[in-house]
Each structure stands twice: as structure tokens, then as C-alpha cells.
Amino acid sequence: MAAKAEPKLKVVADNRKARFNYEIGETFEAGVALTGSEVKSLRAGKATIAESYADARGGEFWLINANIPEYLQAGRFNHTPKRPRKLLLHKKQINKLTGAIEREGMTVVPLKLYFNARGRAKIEIALARGKKLHDKRETLKKRSWDRERGRLLRLKG
């Protein structure tokens, strides 16, 4: 039997700073409740999730501070770019995330925003703990050494 092919994802926005600023724990895939003009803007590849986060309000999770710019052809039916957007999660996932936030002082950080194989807008969120300055320095040293080691191995042979 042939190996299962990787699902095709069209990544719209990627939060590359999250892996540097946070220790990433468990990840979740969540749907995002969007309006029509927001979907059109995302399909054009315009979105920023670098400074956004997820927050629990009234038993639901919301994506706060994510910037999806207005779609110019939408006219008067446009959306506000930084409005809170509801994340679609199962009740068990919501309880797990809420418990980790309250008990362990963790944060829910978006990692990437994409369209899955079925064309649905999804966001990958993760439970994360903020890194201290010395941890960030350690990460930089390790990355620098890995780069140097690769360079030396290439030269050697």
C-alpha cells in the first residue's frame, strides 16, 4: 500500500517569533469564524498574527489582535481589521486550555493561519510558556553553533 500523502495546506500567515519568544507545548488546530470579506482577504494572502493571542471569554476562545486587512472590493460590507474572532474548538479542548492558563500560567499563542485541504480557514494554536532572556540567548547560541557546524562539515568533506 502507498504511503499517505501530506495534506495540502495554503499557509496565509506564520508567527515565526512565537517559537523564539515562547516554549511551545501542546498544539491544537482550531477553526476560525470569519465573515466573507475576511475570507477573501485571507485568500489574497494578507494577514498578520505576529502580535496576536487567544483568550477565554465566557466559555469560548477568541483570537485577539489578529490583523486581517480590509478587502477593497467588498465596499461598504467590509470588516474591521482587528476585531476579535471566535475560535471553533471542542469543549474538551477549551477546558484543557482554560485549565492550563489558570493553573500553570501559560499563554495560548497562534502559530500559523492556513487553509486546509477542504478549503476551510484553520489556525494552529499552542499552549506556551514565555522564555526568559537567558533562554533566548541560549537559543541564539545553539542556532549559531548549528550553522557554524554545518559550514565546517561542508568544508571538510
Foldseek 3Di string as FASTA:
>chain_A
DDDDDDWDKAFLEFQPCCVLFWPFDDKDKWFWDDDPQLLVLSVVSDWYQNPWFWDDDPLWIKIFQIFRDGRVVVPPPTDDGGDIITIHDDSVVSVVLVCCCVPVVWTKGWGTWIQTNVRGIMIMITTTDGDDPVVSVVVVVVVVVVVVVVVVVVVVD
